[in-house]
Amino acid sequence: ASMPDACPFIRGTSFSDRYGCVDTDLDSYSDGDENWTVENGSDAFPLEPTQWLDTDRDGWGDNQTVGAQRIDDFPFNPTQWRDTDRDGWGDNQTYGATQVDDFPFVPSQHRDSDGDGYGDNLTGFEGDVCVQSTPEEVDSGWISRFDRLGCRDVDRDGYSDPTDLWIAHPDGFADAFPDDASQWFDTDGDGFGDNEEYYDGQTWRTSYRPDGCRTTAGTSTFDRWGCPDADTDGWSDPTPTWLASPGGSGDAWPEDPTQWHDTDGDGRGDNPRGTTADVCPSVAGTSVGPSSGGDRWGCKDTDGDGWSDLGDAFI
């Protein structure tokens, strides 16, 4: 038996929701009219042949078969319709939306509880190690991105501040200088950073107290930072590549804490308060002081008797 024509005075081909009514897109669902609306079962998409139902009334269709257009990935959630990364969380991030994906293009992440840009799923792409960063940390940009992601980084150099469970370099990987944006690693552990320079976001700058001997612990602070300084006078011990004064800047007396420079190279130190201080620091000389039978150290002594020309009555 034939089914009764729901539109006896209008030619139509619909047969799914009602028989014999206008079906513009020829998908078998009739176009709606004032007596037959979407609520009754008419085509929710009268001009789209691949869609007809829209359960959640969000303008995206329920039909998810291959080739369909305007597919609703969330047919029962009116606040979501697209799920680009196919992780079950929606792309729509507007106010009031539910099932929101904070990372719509990253299938391994969907939530960022603290809003720092790193996902809560630790095993996912760029997983957040510290998922409860404070608003102050997030707003101030105190978020690490190198040694571990999403943790407190007060100096904003990308390396996280150390904690009891995440210790500083070199024993760990945290920032050895958490209050200095120009330094973060200290390979030899002497308190001087490995960086010679750093990028401040606009230009390259010299780092604060760069270690002149990154793999050898040291305490020198004057000629170079962080190199061996046997006499602890602040001037580093000389090496074949770091010569002593006057040929270089190294300590000319690496075992005497009272002397370090010898401008005229005569073997007597420039420091007037130091051992055998050179009275004539800019002119080489061989005179010796009273303790060695002369009058003063390091001045010109033409006759070589230990007395300087300045004080010798018999040159």
Protein backbone atom coordinates (compact mmCIF):
# COMPACT_ATOMS: atom_id res chain seq x y z
CA ALA A 1 0.00 0.00 0.00
CA SER A 2 1.22 3.48 -0.79
CA MET A 3 1.84 6.01 1.96
CA PRO A 4 -0.39 9.08 2.12
CA ASP A 5 0.98 12.24 0.50
CA ALA A 6 1.66 14.82 3.20
CA CYS A 7 1.62 17.59 0.58
CA PRO A 8 -1.16 16.56 -1.83
CA PHE A 9 -1.22 19.85 -3.72
CA ILE A 10 2.58 20.28 -4.07
CA ARG A 11 4.85 18.01 -6.06
CA GLY A 12 7.65 16.65 -3.86
CA THR A 13 10.03 13.73 -3.39
CA SER A 14 10.58 13.56 0.37
CA PHE A 15 10.04 10.24 2.09
CA SER A 16 12.04 10.12 5.32
CA ASP A 17 10.21 12.55 7.58
CA ARG A 18 7.01 12.77 5.50
CA TYR A 19 5.98 11.70 2.04
CA GLY A 20 5.66 13.73 -1.13
CA CYS A 21 6.76 17.15 0.01
CA VAL A 22 9.34 19.54 -1.39
CA ASP A 23 12.92 18.32 -0.84
CA THR A 24 15.18 20.91 -2.42
CA ASP A 25 18.47 19.15 -1.71
CA LEU A 26 17.06 15.69 -2.55
CA ASP A 27 18.27 14.03 0.66
CA SER A 28 14.79 12.55 1.35
CA TYR A 29 14.00 15.01 4.16
CA SER A 30 11.40 17.63 3.34
CA ASP A 31 11.92 21.35 3.48
CA GLY A 32 10.19 22.84 6.48
CA ASP A 33 7.15 25.08 6.37
CA GLU A 34 4.92 26.84 8.88
CA ASN A 35 3.16 23.60 9.69
CA TRP A 36 6.16 21.29 9.61
CA THR A 37 9.30 22.55 11.32
CA VAL A 38 12.60 21.08 12.38
CA GLU A 39 10.93 20.17 15.63
CA ASN A 40 8.57 17.92 13.64
CA GLY A 41 11.40 16.38 11.63
CA SER A 42 11.91 18.59 8.58
CA ASP A 43 15.36 19.03 7.06
CA ALA A 44 17.54 21.19 9.33
CA PHE A 45 19.75 21.83 6.27
CA PRO A 46 17.37 22.14 3.31
CA LEU A 47 20.15 23.19 0.94
CA GLU A 48 22.78 20.68 2.09
CA PRO A 49 22.13 17.14 0.81
CA THR A 50 24.62 15.51 3.21
CA GLN A 51 22.93 16.78 6.39
CA TRP A 52 19.38 16.87 7.71
CA LEU A 53 19.45 16.44 11.50
CA ASP A 54 20.89 18.87 14.06
CA THR A 55 20.07 17.43 17.47
CA ASP A 56 21.79 20.14 19.52
CA ARG A 57 20.65 22.99 17.23
CA ASP A 58 24.11 24.48 16.80
CA GLY A 59 24.02 24.66 13.01
CA TRP A 60 26.21 21.59 12.47
CA GLY A 61 24.77 18.29 11.28
CA ASP A 62 24.57 14.93 13.02
CA ASN A 63 25.52 12.87 9.94
CA GLN A 64 29.17 11.87 10.26
CA THR A 65 29.48 9.56 7.27
CA VAL A 66 32.37 9.97 4.85
CA GLY A 67 31.81 12.86 2.46
CA ALA A 68 29.28 14.68 4.62
CA GLN A 69 29.62 18.45 5.03
CA ARG A 70 29.30 20.55 8.20
CA ILE A 71 29.76 17.51 10.42
CA ASP A 72 29.12 18.09 14.12
CA ASP A 73 31.83 16.30 16.10
CA PHE A 74 29.72 16.90 19.21
CA PRO A 75 26.10 16.29 18.12
CA PHE A 76 24.77 16.54 21.68
CA ASN A 77 26.75 19.61 22.80
CA PRO A 78 25.44 22.90 21.41
CA THR A 79 28.64 24.73 22.42
CA GLN A 80 30.98 22.51 20.40
CA TRP A 81 31.06 21.20 16.84
CA ARG A 82 34.66 20.91 15.64
CA ASP A 83 37.44 18.73 17.05
CA THR A 84 40.41 19.34 14.77
CA ASP A 85 42.88 17.15 16.65
CA ARG A 86 40.35 14.35 17.29
CA ASP A 87 41.02 14.10 21.01
CA GLY A 88 37.39 14.40 22.11
CA TRP A 89 37.62 18.05 23.16
CA GLY A 90 36.16 20.90 21.13
CA ASP A 91 37.86 23.76 19.32
CA ASN A 92 35.38 26.44 20.42
CA GLN A 93 36.91 28.44 23.27
CA THR A 94 34.30 31.19 23.57
CA TYR A 95 32.86 32.09 26.96
CA GLY A 96 30.32 29.55 28.20
CA ALA A 97 31.52 26.70 26.01
CA THR A 98 31.98 23.26 27.56
CA GLN A 99 34.33 20.40 26.63
CA VAL A 100 36.83 23.09 25.62
CA ASP A 101 40.19 22.06 24.16
CA ASP A 102 42.90 24.49 25.27
CA PHE A 103 45.13 22.95 22.58
CA PRO A 104 42.86 22.37 19.55
CA PHE A 105 45.74 21.28 17.31
CA VAL A 106 47.56 19.03 19.80
CA PRO A 107 45.89 15.62 20.21
CA SER A 108 47.88 14.74 23.35
CA GLN A 109 46.81 17.85 25.28
CA HIS A 110 43.45 19.46 26.02
CA ARG A 111 43.70 21.22 29.40
CA ASP A 112 45.97 23.99 30.70
CA SER A 113 44.80 24.48 34.28
CA ASP A 114 47.21 27.27 35.20
CA GLY A 115 47.15 29.05 31.83
CA ASP A 116 50.90 29.00 31.32
CA GLY A 117 50.77 27.59 27.80
CA TYR A 118 51.79 24.04 28.71
CA GLY A 119 49.31 21.17 28.88
CA ASP A 120 48.45 19.30 32.08
CA ASN A 121 49.19 15.89 30.53
CA LEU A 122 52.81 15.37 31.56
CA THR A 123 53.33 12.57 29.02
CA GLY A 124 51.77 14.59 26.19
CA PHE A 125 53.38 17.14 23.90
CA GLU A 126 55.20 19.76 26.02
CA GLY A 127 53.71 18.47 29.26
CA ASP A 128 53.57 20.88 32.19
CA VAL A 129 55.77 19.77 35.09
CA CYS A 130 54.23 22.36 37.43
CA VAL A 131 50.50 22.40 36.65
CA GLN A 132 49.61 24.77 39.48
CA SER A 133 51.64 27.87 38.66
CA THR A 134 50.27 30.94 40.41
CA PRO A 135 48.55 33.82 38.59
CA GLU A 136 51.50 36.02 39.54
CA GLU A 137 53.95 33.62 37.90
CA VAL A 138 51.87 33.34 34.74
CA ASP A 139 51.12 37.06 34.43
CA SER A 140 54.77 37.97 35.08
CA GLY A 141 56.09 35.45 32.57
CA TRP A 142 57.98 33.54 35.27
CA ILE A 143 57.52 30.26 33.40
CA SER A 144 60.42 27.96 32.51
CA ARG A 145 60.79 26.42 29.06
CA PHE A 146 64.18 24.71 28.88
CA ASP A 147 65.17 22.38 31.75
CA ARG A 148 61.51 21.60 32.50
CA LEU A 149 58.32 23.14 31.22
CA GLY A 150 55.91 25.38 33.09
CA CYS A 151 57.72 25.91 36.40
CA ARG A 152 58.69 29.04 38.34
CA ASP A 153 61.44 31.06 36.64
CA VAL A 154 61.78 34.44 38.34
CA ASP A 155 64.62 35.77 36.18
CA ARG A 156 62.80 34.68 33.00
CA ASP A 157 65.83 33.11 31.36
CA GLY A 158 63.94 29.91 30.55
CA TYR A 159 65.55 27.79 33.27
CA SER A 160 63.43 26.97 36.32
CA ASP A 161 64.26 27.98 39.86
CA PRO A 162 65.74 25.10 41.88
CA THR A 163 63.72 23.23 44.51
CA ASP A 164 64.46 20.44 46.97
CA LEU A 165 63.43 17.91 44.33
CA TRP A 166 64.86 19.72 41.31
CA ILE A 167 68.32 20.93 42.23
CA ALA A 168 70.55 23.47 40.56
CA HIS A 169 73.26 22.83 38.00
CA PRO A 170 75.80 21.21 38.00
CA ASP A 171 74.34 18.54 40.28
CA GLY A 172 70.94 18.99 38.63
CA PHE A 173 69.43 20.92 35.76
CA ALA A 174 67.74 23.88 37.45
CA ASP A 175 69.02 27.45 37.21
CA ALA A 176 72.25 27.85 39.18
CA PHE A 177 71.61 31.61 39.16
CA PRO A 178 67.83 32.00 39.65
CA ASP A 179 68.05 35.79 40.07
CA ASP A 180 70.37 36.44 37.12
CA ALA A 181 68.86 36.30 33.63
CA SER A 182 72.29 36.16 31.99
CA GLN A 183 73.45 32.94 33.67
CA TRP A 184 71.97 29.50 34.40
CA PHE A 185 74.68 26.81 34.18
CA ASP A 186 77.81 26.50 36.35
CA THR A 187 79.67 23.45 35.09
CA ASP A 188 82.51 23.58 37.62
CA GLY A 189 80.31 24.69 40.52
CA ASP A 190 82.46 27.64 41.53
CA GLY A 191 79.71 30.25 41.54
CA PHE A 192 80.56 31.79 38.17
CA GLY A 193 78.28 31.15 35.20
CA ASP A 194 79.19 29.41 31.96
CA ASN A 195 77.72 32.09 29.67
CA GLU A 196 79.98 34.68 28.10
CA GLU A 197 77.01 36.47 26.57
CA TYR A 198 73.24 36.20 26.42
CA TYR A 199 70.34 37.50 24.32
CA ASP A 200 68.04 39.85 26.23
CA GLY A 201 65.26 39.71 23.64
CA GLN A 202 66.62 42.58 21.59
CA THR A 203 70.40 42.28 21.46
CA TRP A 204 73.31 40.16 22.64
CA ARG A 205 74.93 41.37 25.86
CA THR A 206 77.88 40.38 28.01
CA SER A 207 76.78 38.06 30.80
CA TYR A 208 77.29 38.87 34.46
CA ARG A 209 80.58 37.48 35.81
CA PRO A 210 81.26 34.96 33.01
CA ASP A 211 83.52 32.09 34.08
CA GLY A 212 86.93 32.30 32.41
CA CYS A 213 87.61 28.65 33.27
CA ARG A 214 84.26 26.90 32.89
CA THR A 215 85.48 23.38 33.57
CA THR A 216 87.95 24.23 36.34
CA ALA A 217 86.73 25.66 39.65
CA GLY A 218 88.36 28.87 40.75
CA THR A 219 87.96 32.01 42.85
CA SER A 220 89.68 34.71 40.80
CA THR A 221 87.70 37.93 40.33
CA PHE A 222 90.00 40.63 38.93
CA ASP A 223 91.70 39.64 35.67
CA ARG A 224 89.07 36.99 34.89
CA TRP A 225 86.25 35.31 36.76
CA GLY A 226 86.32 31.84 38.24
CA CYS A 227 89.82 30.60 37.49
CA PRO A 228 92.35 28.99 39.88
CA ASP A 229 93.89 31.53 42.24
CA ALA A 230 96.32 29.72 44.54
CA ASP A 231 97.10 32.71 46.75
CA THR A 232 93.48 33.94 46.81
CA ASP A 233 94.41 37.54 45.99
CA GLY A 234 91.76 37.75 43.27
CA TRP A 235 94.19 37.45 40.36
CA SER A 236 94.21 34.14 38.49
CA ASP A 237 97.20 31.86 38.19
CA PRO A 238 98.94 32.19 34.81
CA THR A 239 98.80 29.44 32.18
CA PRO A 240 100.40 28.96 28.75
CA THR A 241 97.38 30.70 27.23
CA TRP A 242 96.89 33.26 30.00
CA LEU A 243 100.23 34.91 30.63
CA ALA A 244 101.40 36.63 33.79
CA SER A 245 101.96 40.37 34.05
CA PRO A 246 103.48 42.20 32.22
CA GLY A 247 103.00 39.96 29.18
CA GLY A 248 99.41 39.27 30.18
CA SER A 249 96.94 39.83 32.98
CA GLY A 250 97.66 36.76 35.11
CA ASP A 251 99.19 36.87 38.58
CA ALA A 252 102.95 37.42 38.33
CA TRP A 253 103.23 36.03 41.88
CA PRO A 254 100.65 33.21 42.06
CA GLU A 255 101.85 32.15 45.52
CA ASP A 256 102.17 35.63 47.06
CA PRO A 257 98.83 37.23 47.97
CA THR A 258 100.41 40.69 48.34
CA GLN A 259 101.64 41.05 44.75
CA TRP A 260 100.21 40.35 41.29
CA HIS A 261 101.36 42.96 38.74
CA ASP A 262 104.86 43.76 37.53
CA THR A 263 104.45 46.56 35.00
CA ASP A 264 108.16 46.96 34.19
CA GLY A 265 108.90 43.23 34.33
CA ASP A 266 111.84 43.51 36.72
CA GLY A 267 110.62 40.89 39.16
CA ARG A 268 109.35 43.34 41.77
CA GLY A 269 105.64 43.82 42.39
CA ASP A 270 103.73 47.03 41.77
CA ASN A 271 101.72 46.92 45.01
CA PRO A 272 103.50 49.39 47.33
CA ARG A 273 102.20 47.56 50.41
CA GLY A 274 103.22 44.13 49.18
CA THR A 275 106.32 41.99 49.46
CA THR A 276 109.50 43.62 48.03
CA ALA A 277 107.40 46.41 46.54
CA ASP A 278 108.82 48.08 43.43
CA VAL A 279 109.64 51.70 44.23
CA CYS A 280 110.08 52.38 40.51
CA PRO A 281 107.16 50.33 39.07
CA SER A 282 107.35 51.79 35.56
CA VAL A 283 111.13 51.55 35.13
CA ALA A 284 112.90 48.19 35.30
CA GLY A 285 115.68 47.99 37.84
CA THR A 286 117.73 45.57 39.92
CA SER A 287 118.25 47.50 43.15
CA VAL A 288 117.25 45.75 46.36
CA GLY A 289 115.75 46.89 49.62
CA PRO A 290 117.34 47.38 53.03
CA SER A 291 116.62 43.83 54.08
CA SER A 292 118.92 42.65 51.30
CA GLY A 293 121.64 45.30 51.72
CA GLY A 294 120.32 48.00 49.41
CA ASP A 295 118.15 51.09 49.67
CA ARG A 296 115.00 50.33 47.64
CA TRP A 297 113.54 47.60 45.45
CA GLY A 298 113.27 47.59 41.67
CA CYS A 299 115.00 50.79 40.65
CA LYS A 300 117.84 51.35 38.20
CA ASP A 301 121.21 50.22 39.61
CA THR A 302 123.88 51.07 37.06
CA ASP A 303 126.85 49.64 38.97
CA GLY A 304 124.95 46.57 40.17
CA ASP A 305 125.83 46.97 43.83
CA GLY A 306 122.23 46.65 45.03
CA TRP A 307 121.86 50.35 45.68
CA SER A 308 119.68 52.33 43.32
CA ASP A 309 121.18 55.14 41.28
CA LEU A 310 118.84 57.42 43.19
CA GLY A 311 120.56 56.61 46.48
CA ASP A 312 124.05 55.45 45.44
CA ALA A 313 126.79 58.07 46.00
CA PHE A 314 129.27 55.95 44.02
CA ILE A 315 127.75 54.89 40.71
